[in-house]
Amino acid sequence: AEKIKQSVVAYDFEEDDQYFNAVHNILLRTGIIGAIIFIMFIVGEWKMNSPGGRALLLVLIVLMFISAIYFTETMALYLVLSGKLKLDNIKNVC
């Protein structure tokens, strides 16, 4: 805790604040059922998506394991862009 207070990113942390990556945040905030719903959402986005959209989802999944991006603008950006690519891909297929 003392090392965090002395670091250059100390302003990001409050007193007794803990750091969790996005996967742990999902499990802590929504539990197993919420994690299953989120996984079902990601799988639904994966289906019928373009290769670019799938690459964005893959990068999002990797980032969720290594950083705290749960409900941040970064997570929203990846989901919105992959959703747009999915819609474009569905329009091109039909």
Protein backbone atom coordinates (compact mmCIF):
# COMPACT_ATOMS: atom_id res chain seq x y z
CA ALA A 1 0.00 0.00 0.00
CA GLU A 2 2.88 2.37 0.72
CA LYS A 3 4.38 1.78 -2.73
CA ILE A 4 1.11 2.81 -4.35
CA LYS A 5 1.01 6.04 -2.33
CA GLN A 6 4.50 6.91 -3.55
CA SER A 7 3.90 6.02 -7.20
CA VAL A 8 3.12 8.43 -10.02
CA VAL A 9 -0.40 6.97 -10.36
CA ALA A 10 -1.32 7.44 -6.69
CA TYR A 11 -4.08 9.90 -7.59
CA ASP A 12 -6.01 7.00 -9.22
CA PHE A 13 -6.36 5.15 -5.93
CA GLU A 14 -8.38 6.05 -2.87
CA GLU A 15 -7.64 4.91 0.68
CA ASP A 16 -7.84 1.10 0.94
CA ASP A 17 -8.71 0.91 -2.76
CA GLN A 18 -8.16 -2.43 -4.44
CA TYR A 19 -7.33 -3.13 -8.07
CA PHE A 20 -9.20 -5.82 -9.99
CA ASN A 21 -9.07 -6.63 -13.67
CA ALA A 22 -12.33 -6.63 -15.64
CA VAL A 23 -12.88 -10.39 -15.32
CA HIS A 24 -12.63 -10.22 -11.53
CA ASN A 25 -14.84 -7.11 -11.51
CA ILE A 26 -17.57 -8.96 -13.41
CA LEU A 27 -17.39 -11.87 -10.99
CA LEU A 28 -17.37 -9.62 -7.91
CA ARG A 29 -20.17 -7.30 -9.03
CA THR A 30 -22.53 -9.68 -10.84
CA GLY A 31 -21.49 -13.16 -9.72
CA ILE A 32 -21.45 -16.35 -11.76
CA ILE A 33 -24.84 -15.64 -13.35
CA GLY A 34 -23.72 -12.19 -14.51
CA ALA A 35 -20.49 -13.65 -15.89
CA ILE A 36 -22.47 -16.27 -17.82
CA ILE A 37 -24.77 -13.57 -19.24
CA PHE A 38 -21.74 -11.48 -20.25
CA ILE A 39 -20.11 -14.49 -21.92
CA MET A 40 -23.36 -15.19 -23.79
CA PHE A 41 -23.38 -11.55 -24.93
CA ILE A 42 -19.79 -11.77 -26.21
CA VAL A 43 -20.54 -15.07 -28.00
CA GLY A 44 -23.60 -13.44 -29.59
CA GLU A 45 -21.45 -10.55 -30.79
CA TRP A 46 -18.87 -13.01 -32.14
CA LYS A 47 -21.40 -14.84 -34.32
CA MET A 48 -21.98 -13.31 -37.78
CA ASN A 49 -19.27 -10.70 -37.11
CA SER A 50 -16.63 -9.67 -39.61
CA PRO A 51 -12.96 -10.58 -39.09
CA GLY A 52 -12.29 -7.02 -37.92
CA GLY A 53 -15.10 -7.20 -35.38
CA ARG A 54 -13.85 -10.55 -34.13
CA ALA A 55 -10.35 -9.13 -33.78
CA LEU A 56 -11.73 -6.24 -31.70
CA LEU A 57 -13.61 -8.68 -29.47
CA LEU A 58 -10.48 -10.79 -29.05
CA VAL A 59 -8.46 -7.72 -28.06
CA LEU A 60 -11.23 -6.75 -25.62
CA ILE A 61 -11.13 -10.20 -24.00
CA VAL A 62 -7.35 -10.02 -23.63
CA LEU A 63 -7.58 -6.51 -22.16
CA MET A 64 -10.23 -7.68 -19.71
CA PHE A 65 -7.76 -10.18 -18.27
CA ILE A 66 -4.93 -7.66 -17.86
CA SER A 67 -6.57 -4.32 -17.02
CA ALA A 68 -9.45 -2.71 -15.19
CA ILE A 69 -11.60 -1.70 -18.17
CA TYR A 70 -14.96 -2.92 -16.83
CA PHE A 71 -17.60 -0.27 -17.69
CA THR A 72 -15.07 2.24 -18.98
CA GLU A 73 -14.99 4.18 -22.22
CA THR A 74 -12.41 1.72 -23.57
CA MET A 75 -14.76 -1.21 -23.10
CA ALA A 76 -17.63 0.74 -24.65
CA LEU A 77 -15.48 1.73 -27.64
CA TYR A 78 -14.53 -1.87 -28.40
CA LEU A 79 -18.13 -3.08 -28.02
CA VAL A 80 -19.62 -0.28 -30.13
CA LEU A 81 -17.08 -0.72 -32.93
CA SER A 82 -17.46 -4.50 -33.01
CA GLY A 83 -21.25 -4.10 -33.00
CA LYS A 84 -21.05 -1.67 -35.94
CA LEU A 85 -18.83 -4.08 -37.86
CA LYS A 86 -21.30 -6.86 -37.13
CA LEU A 87 -24.21 -4.81 -38.49
CA ASP A 88 -22.22 -3.93 -41.61
CA ASN A 89 -21.31 -7.59 -42.11
CA ILE A 90 -24.94 -8.71 -41.74
CA LYS A 91 -26.04 -6.08 -44.30
CA ASN A 92 -23.38 -7.29 -46.75
CA VAL A 93 -24.36 -10.96 -46.33
CA CYS A 94 -28.10 -10.39 -46.83
